[in-house]
């Protein structure tokens, strides 16, 4: 899991540095989302192919479950 986090920050940093020329501020949120999605996809793939790491996604909902 630490390797995955490390790769996420390396990719994010590289993407932000690449976008420094021009209007990088307008692209920063997109870059963060894109890198996060890519990292999430890699985590899911690793769990499916039998890596020693398992990753879970938290799904939030506004609905209230009555008891």
PDB file of N, CA and C in Angstrom:
ATOM      1  N   UNK A   1       0.824  -1.187   0.000  1.00  0.00           N
ATOM      2  CA  UNK A   1       0.000   0.000   0.000  1.00  0.00           C
ATOM      3  C   UNK A   1       0.868   1.251   0.000  1.00  0.00           C
ATOM      4  N   UNK A   2       1.975   1.229   0.731  1.00  0.00           N
ATOM      5  CA  UNK A   2       2.855   2.388   0.745  1.00  0.00           C
ATOM      6  C   UNK A   2       3.436   2.659  -0.635  1.00  0.00           C
ATOM      7  N   UNK A   3       3.741   1.596  -1.372  1.00  0.00           N
ATOM      8  CA  UNK A   3       4.274   1.756  -2.728  1.00  0.00           C
ATOM      9  C   UNK A   3       3.238   2.424  -3.624  1.00  0.00           C
ATOM     10  N   UNK A   4       1.981   2.059  -3.447  1.00  0.00           N
ATOM     11  CA  UNK A   4       0.904   2.647  -4.236  1.00  0.00           C
ATOM     12  C   UNK A   4       0.772   4.139  -3.941  1.00  0.00           C
ATOM     13  N   UNK A   5       0.822   4.503  -2.660  1.00  0.00           N
ATOM     14  CA  UNK A   5       0.753   5.920  -2.278  1.00  0.00           C
ATOM     15  C   UNK A   5       1.954   6.671  -2.845  1.00  0.00           C
ATOM     16  N   UNK A   6       3.114   6.061  -2.749  1.00  0.00           N
ATOM     17  CA  UNK A   6       4.336   6.681  -3.258  1.00  0.00           C
ATOM     18  C   UNK A   6       4.214   6.934  -4.758  1.00  0.00           C
ATOM     19  N   UNK A   7       3.732   5.934  -5.506  1.00  0.00           N
ATOM     20  CA  UNK A   7       3.552   6.094  -6.950  1.00  0.00           C
ATOM     21  C   UNK A   7       2.542   7.178  -7.270  1.00  0.00           C
ATOM     22  N   UNK A   8       1.479   7.271  -6.469  1.00  0.00           N
ATOM     23  CA  UNK A   8       0.468   8.303  -6.666  1.00  0.00           C
ATOM     24  C   UNK A   8       1.105   9.690  -6.576  1.00  0.00           C
ATOM     25  N   UNK A   9       1.885   9.930  -5.525  1.00  0.00           N
ATOM     26  CA  UNK A   9       2.489  11.244  -5.345  1.00  0.00           C
ATOM     27  C   UNK A   9       3.559  11.537  -6.391  1.00  0.00           C
ATOM     28  N   UNK A  10       4.287  10.523  -6.827  1.00  0.00           N
ATOM     29  CA  UNK A  10       5.264  10.734  -7.899  1.00  0.00           C
ATOM     30  C   UNK A  10       4.568  11.150  -9.187  1.00  0.00           C
ATOM     31  N   UNK A  11       3.478  10.451  -9.540  1.00  0.00           N
ATOM     32  CA  UNK A  11       2.745  10.789 -10.757  1.00  0.00           C
ATOM     33  C   UNK A  11       2.104  12.160 -10.651  1.00  0.00           C
ATOM     34  N   UNK A  12       1.538  12.463  -9.490  1.00  0.00           N
ATOM     35  CA  UNK A  12       0.900  13.760  -9.289  1.00  0.00           C
ATOM     36  C   UNK A  12       1.920  14.877  -9.411  1.00  0.00           C
ATOM     37  N   UNK A  13       3.068  14.719  -8.773  1.00  0.00           N
ATOM     38  CA  UNK A  13       4.117  15.727  -8.825  1.00  0.00           C
ATOM     39  C   UNK A  13       4.606  15.925 -10.256  1.00  0.00           C
ATOM     40  N   UNK A  14       4.832  14.836 -10.973  1.00  0.00           N
ATOM     41  CA  UNK A  14       5.299  14.929 -12.358  1.00  0.00           C
ATOM     42  C   UNK A  14       4.258  15.617 -13.233  1.00  0.00           C
ATOM     43  N   UNK A  15       2.986  15.309 -13.020  1.00  0.00           N
ATOM     44  CA  UNK A  15       1.922  15.919 -13.818  1.00  0.00           C
ATOM     45  C   UNK A  15       1.807  17.407 -13.535  1.00  0.00           C
ATOM     46  N   UNK A  16       1.925  17.778 -12.274  1.00  0.00           N
ATOM     47  CA  UNK A  16       1.825  19.197 -11.922  1.00  0.00           C
ATOM     48  C   UNK A  16       3.018  19.976 -12.456  1.00  0.00           C
ATOM     49  N   UNK A  17       4.215  19.385 -12.380  1.00  0.00           N
ATOM     50  CA  UNK A  17       5.398  20.064 -12.903  1.00  0.00           C
ATOM     51  C   UNK A  17       5.307  20.227 -14.413  1.00  0.00           C
ATOM     52  N   UNK A  18       4.790  19.226 -15.092  1.00  0.00           N
ATOM     53  CA  UNK A  18       4.643  19.284 -16.540  1.00  0.00           C
ATOM     54  C   UNK A  18       3.663  20.393 -16.930  1.00  0.00           C
ATOM     55  N   UNK A  19       2.662  20.624 -16.090  1.00  0.00           N
ATOM     56  CA  UNK A  19       1.641  21.623 -16.387  1.00  0.00           C
ATOM     57  C   UNK A  19       1.984  23.021 -15.921  1.00  0.00           C
ATOM     58  N   UNK A  20       3.196  23.247 -15.430  1.00  0.00           N
ATOM     59  CA  UNK A  20       3.575  24.566 -14.909  1.00  0.00           C
ATOM     60  C   UNK A  20       3.526  25.662 -15.968  1.00  0.00           C
ATOM     61  N   UNK A  21       3.845  25.338 -17.205  1.00  0.00           N
ATOM     62  CA  UNK A  21       3.812  26.357 -18.244  1.00  0.00           C
ATOM     63  C   UNK A  21       2.366  26.611 -18.628  1.00  0.00           C
ATOM     64  N   UNK A  22       2.037  27.855 -18.869  1.00  0.00           N
ATOM     65  CA  UNK A  22       0.665  28.183 -19.269  1.00  0.00           C
ATOM     66  C   UNK A  22      -0.250  28.279 -18.071  1.00  0.00           C
ATOM     67  N   UNK A  23      -1.456  27.793 -18.236  1.00  0.00           N
ATOM     68  CA  UNK A  23      -2.452  27.937 -17.173  1.00  0.00           C
ATOM     69  C   UNK A  23      -2.574  26.651 -16.362  1.00  0.00           C
ATOM     70  N   UNK A  24      -1.535  26.317 -15.635  1.00  0.00           N
ATOM     71  CA  UNK A  24      -1.529  25.072 -14.870  1.00  0.00           C
ATOM     72  C   UNK A  24      -2.572  25.084 -13.763  1.00  0.00           C
ATOM     73  N   UNK A  25      -2.897  26.271 -13.249  1.00  0.00           N
ATOM     74  CA  UNK A  25      -3.865  26.348 -12.151  1.00  0.00           C
ATOM     75  C   UNK A  25      -5.213  25.787 -12.571  1.00  0.00           C
ATOM     76  N   UNK A  26      -5.599  26.040 -13.814  1.00  0.00           N
ATOM     77  CA  UNK A  26      -6.897  25.538 -14.262  1.00  0.00           C
ATOM     78  C   UNK A  26      -6.871  24.035 -14.506  1.00  0.00           C
ATOM     79  N   UNK A  27      -5.691  23.466 -14.701  1.00  0.00           N
ATOM     80  CA  UNK A  27      -5.583  22.034 -14.966  1.00  0.00           C
ATOM     81  C   UNK A  27      -5.320  21.220 -13.698  1.00  0.00           C
ATOM     82  N   UNK A  28      -4.902  21.865 -12.620  1.00  0.00           N
ATOM     83  CA  UNK A  28      -4.525  21.132 -11.413  1.00  0.00           C
ATOM     84  C   UNK A  28      -5.620  20.217 -10.880  1.00  0.00           C
ATOM     85  N   UNK A  29      -6.866  20.688 -10.726  1.00  0.00           N
ATOM     86  CA  UNK A  29      -7.901  19.767 -10.215  1.00  0.00           C
ATOM     87  C   UNK A  29      -8.097  18.558 -11.124  1.00  0.00           C
ATOM     88  N   UNK A  30      -8.038  18.763 -12.433  1.00  0.00           N
ATOM     89  CA  UNK A  30      -8.202  17.652 -13.372  1.00  0.00           C
ATOM     90  C   UNK A  30      -7.060  16.663 -13.216  1.00  0.00           C
ATOM     91  N   UNK A  31      -5.849  17.167 -13.059  1.00  0.00           N
ATOM     92  CA  UNK A  31      -4.679  16.291 -12.916  1.00  0.00           C
ATOM     93  C   UNK A  31      -4.815  15.445 -11.664  1.00  0.00           C
ATOM     94  N   UNK A  32      -5.236  16.060 -10.566  1.00  0.00           N
ATOM     95  CA  UNK A  32      -5.392  15.324  -9.309  1.00  0.00           C
ATOM     96  C   UNK A  32      -6.427  14.219  -9.477  1.00  0.00           C
ATOM     97  N   UNK A  33      -7.561  14.547 -10.095  1.00  0.00           N
ATOM     98  CA  UNK A  33      -8.606  13.537 -10.308  1.00  0.00           C
ATOM     99  C   UNK A  33      -8.108  12.421 -11.220  1.00  0.00           C
ATOM    100  N   UNK A  34      -7.412  12.796 -12.288  1.00  0.00           N
ATOM    101  CA  UNK A  34      -6.937  11.802 -13.255  1.00  0.00           C
ATOM    102  C   UNK A  34      -5.942  10.841 -12.604  1.00  0.00           C
ATOM    103  N   UNK A  35      -5.002  11.375 -11.850  1.00  0.00           N
ATOM    104  CA  UNK A  35      -4.003  10.528 -11.187  1.00  0.00           C
ATOM    105  C   UNK A  35      -4.673   9.657 -10.129  1.00  0.00           C
ATOM    106  N   UNK A  36      -5.639  10.220  -9.407  1.00  0.00           N
ATOM    107  CA  UNK A  36      -6.350   9.440  -8.387  1.00  0.00           C
ATOM    108  C   UNK A  36      -7.110   8.286  -9.025  1.00  0.00           C
ATOM    109  N   UNK A  37      -7.779   8.548 -10.151  1.00  0.00           N
ATOM    110  CA  UNK A  37      -8.521   7.489 -10.834  1.00  0.00           C
ATOM    111  C   UNK A  37      -7.582   6.408 -11.352  1.00  0.00           C
ATOM    112  N   UNK A  38      -6.449   6.829 -11.898  1.00  0.00           N
ATOM    113  CA  UNK A  38      -5.474   5.861 -12.409  1.00  0.00           C
ATOM    114  C   UNK A  38      -4.933   4.991 -11.273  1.00  0.00           C
ATOM    115  N   UNK A  39      -4.655   5.617 -10.143  1.00  0.00           N
ATOM    116  CA  UNK A  39      -4.136   4.885  -8.988  1.00  0.00           C
ATOM    117  C   UNK A  39      -5.183   3.909  -8.462  1.00  0.00           C
ATOM    118  N   UNK A  40      -6.443   4.369  -8.427  1.00  0.00           N
ATOM    119  CA  UNK A  40      -7.531   3.517  -7.967  1.00  0.00           C
ATOM    120  C   UNK A  40      -7.697   2.315  -8.897  1.00  0.00           C
ATOM    121  N   UNK A  41      -7.595   2.565 -10.193  1.00  0.00           N
ATOM    122  CA  UNK A  41      -7.712   1.481 -11.175  1.00  0.00           C
ATOM    123  C   UNK A  41      -6.587   0.471 -10.983  1.00  0.00           C
ATOM    124  N   UNK A  42      -5.369   0.955 -10.784  1.00  0.00           N
ATOM    125  CA  UNK A  42      -4.230   0.057 -10.571  1.00  0.00           C
ATOM    126  C   UNK A  42      -4.421  -0.781  -9.309  1.00  0.00           C
ATOM    127  N   UNK A  43      -4.954  -0.162  -8.257  1.00  0.00           N
ATOM    128  CA  UNK A  43      -5.186  -0.883  -7.010  1.00  0.00           C
ATOM    129  C   UNK A  43      -6.207  -1.987  -7.216  1.00  0.00           C
ATOM    130  N   UNK A  44      -7.268  -1.683  -7.949  1.00  0.00           N
ATOM    131  CA  UNK A  44      -8.290  -2.689  -8.221  1.00  0.00           C
ATOM    132  C   UNK A  44      -7.697  -3.827  -9.047  1.00  0.00           C
ATOM    133  N   UNK A  45      -6.928  -3.490 -10.055  1.00  0.00           N
ATOM    134  CA  UNK A  45      -6.318  -4.509 -10.917  1.00  0.00           C
ATOM    135  C   UNK A  45      -5.405  -5.422 -10.105  1.00  0.00           C
ATOM    136  N   UNK A  46      -4.594  -4.837  -9.230  1.00  0.00           N
ATOM    137  CA  UNK A  46      -3.683  -5.635  -8.410  1.00  0.00           C
ATOM    138  C   UNK A  46      -4.457  -6.592  -7.510  1.00  0.00           C
ATOM    139  N   UNK A  47      -5.589  -6.152  -6.974  1.00  0.00           N
ATOM    140  CA  UNK A  47      -6.365  -7.028  -6.094  1.00  0.00           C
ATOM    141  C   UNK A  47      -6.998  -8.165  -6.884  1.00  0.00           C
ATOM    142  N   UNK A  48      -7.388  -7.909  -8.129  1.00  0.00           N
ATOM    143  CA  UNK A  48      -8.021  -8.932  -8.958  1.00  0.00           C
ATOM    144  C   UNK A  48      -7.016  -9.992  -9.398  1.00  0.00           C
ATOM    145  N   UNK A  49      -5.799  -9.577  -9.745  1.00  0.00           N
ATOM    146  CA  UNK A  49      -4.813 -10.535 -10.242  1.00  0.00           C
ATOM    147  C   UNK A  49      -4.065 -11.259  -9.125  1.00  0.00           C
ATOM    148  N   UNK A  50      -4.439 -11.027  -7.892  1.00  0.00           N
ATOM    149  CA  UNK A  50      -3.881 -11.812  -6.793  1.00  0.00           C
ATOM    150  C   UNK A  50      -2.661 -11.212  -6.133  1.00  0.00           C
ATOM    151  N   UNK A  51      -2.548  -9.915  -6.142  1.00  0.00           N
ATOM    152  CA  UNK A  51      -1.448  -9.270  -5.432  1.00  0.00           C
ATOM    153  C   UNK A  51      -1.616  -9.518  -3.931  1.00  0.00           C
ATOM    154  N   UNK A  52      -0.554  -9.316  -3.188  1.00  0.00           N
ATOM    155  CA  UNK A  52      -0.647  -9.500  -1.741  1.00  0.00           C
ATOM    156  C   UNK A  52      -1.384  -8.345  -1.077  1.00  0.00           C
ATOM    157  N   UNK A  53      -1.709  -7.312  -1.830  1.00  0.00           N
ATOM    158  CA  UNK A  53      -2.430  -6.167  -1.283  1.00  0.00           C
ATOM    159  C   UNK A  53      -3.893  -6.223  -1.700  1.00  0.00           C
ATOM    160  N   UNK A  54      -4.756  -5.811  -0.792  1.00  0.00           N
ATOM    161  CA  UNK A  54      -6.187  -5.694  -1.109  1.00  0.00           C
ATOM    162  C   UNK A  54      -6.601  -4.263  -0.807  1.00  0.00           C
ATOM    163  N   UNK A  55      -7.402  -3.704  -1.676  1.00  0.00           N
ATOM    164  CA  UNK A  55      -7.827  -2.322  -1.525  1.00  0.00           C
ATOM    165  C   UNK A  55      -9.348  -2.271  -1.499  1.00  0.00           C
ATOM    166  N   UNK A  56      -9.876  -1.384  -0.685  1.00  0.00           N
ATOM    167  CA  UNK A  56     -11.317  -1.247  -0.575  1.00  0.00           C
ATOM    168  C   UNK A  56     -11.709   0.201  -0.828  1.00  0.00           C
ATOM    169  N   UNK A  57     -12.820   0.365  -1.512  1.00  0.00           N
ATOM    170  CA  UNK A  57     -13.332   1.708  -1.778  1.00  0.00           C
ATOM    171  C   UNK A  57     -14.515   1.960  -0.854  1.00  0.00           C
ATOM    172  N   UNK A  58     -14.556   3.131  -0.268  1.00  0.00           N
ATOM    173  CA  UNK A  58     -15.680   3.510   0.573  1.00  0.00           C
ATOM    174  C   UNK A  58     -16.713   4.183  -0.319  1.00  0.00           C
ATOM    175  N   UNK A  59     -17.926   3.689  -0.283  1.00  0.00           N
ATOM    176  CA  UNK A  59     -18.995   4.280  -1.079  1.00  0.00           C
ATOM    177  C   UNK A  59     -19.913   5.032  -0.129  1.00  0.00           C
ATOM    178  N   UNK A  60     -20.014   6.336  -0.347  1.00  0.00           N
ATOM    179  CA  UNK A  60     -20.841   7.163   0.516  1.00  0.00           C
ATOM    180  C   UNK A  60     -22.184   7.423  -0.146  1.00  0.00           C
ATOM    181  N   UNK A  61     -23.189   7.550   0.683  1.00  0.00           N
ATOM    182  CA  UNK A  61     -24.527   7.808   0.177  1.00  0.00           C
ATOM    183  C   UNK A  61     -25.219   8.797   1.101  1.00  0.00           C
ATOM    184  N   UNK A  62     -26.092   9.608   0.525  1.00  0.00           N
ATOM    185  CA  UNK A  62     -26.863  10.561   1.321  1.00  0.00           C
ATOM    186  C   UNK A  62     -28.124   9.919   1.889  1.00  0.00           C
ATOM    187  N   UNK A  63     -28.471   8.738   1.420  1.00  0.00           N
ATOM    188  CA  UNK A  63     -29.704   8.096   1.889  1.00  0.00           C
ATOM    189  C   UNK A  63     -29.522   7.571   3.307  1.00  0.00           C
ATOM    190  N   UNK A  64     -30.602   7.587   4.054  1.00  0.00           N
ATOM    191  CA  UNK A  64     -30.588   7.112   5.438  1.00  0.00           C
ATOM    192  C   UNK A  64     -31.344   5.791   5.477  1.00  0.00           C
ATOM    193  N   UNK A  65     -30.730   4.803   6.073  1.00  0.00           N
ATOM    194  CA  UNK A  65     -31.363   3.490   6.184  1.00  0.00           C
ATOM    195  C   UNK A  65     -32.159   3.452   7.475  1.00  0.00           C
ATOM    196  N   UNK A  66     -33.459   3.187   7.370  1.00  0.00           N
ATOM    197  CA  UNK A  66     -34.299   3.133   8.574  1.00  0.00           C
ATOM    198  C   UNK A  66     -34.211   1.747   9.201  1.00  0.00           C
ATOM    199  N   UNK A  67     -34.324   1.708  10.509  1.00  0.00           N
ATOM    200  CA  UNK A  67     -34.236   0.428  11.220  1.00  0.00           C
ATOM    201  C   UNK A  67     -35.577   0.048  11.793  1.00  0.00           C
TER     202      UNK A  67
END
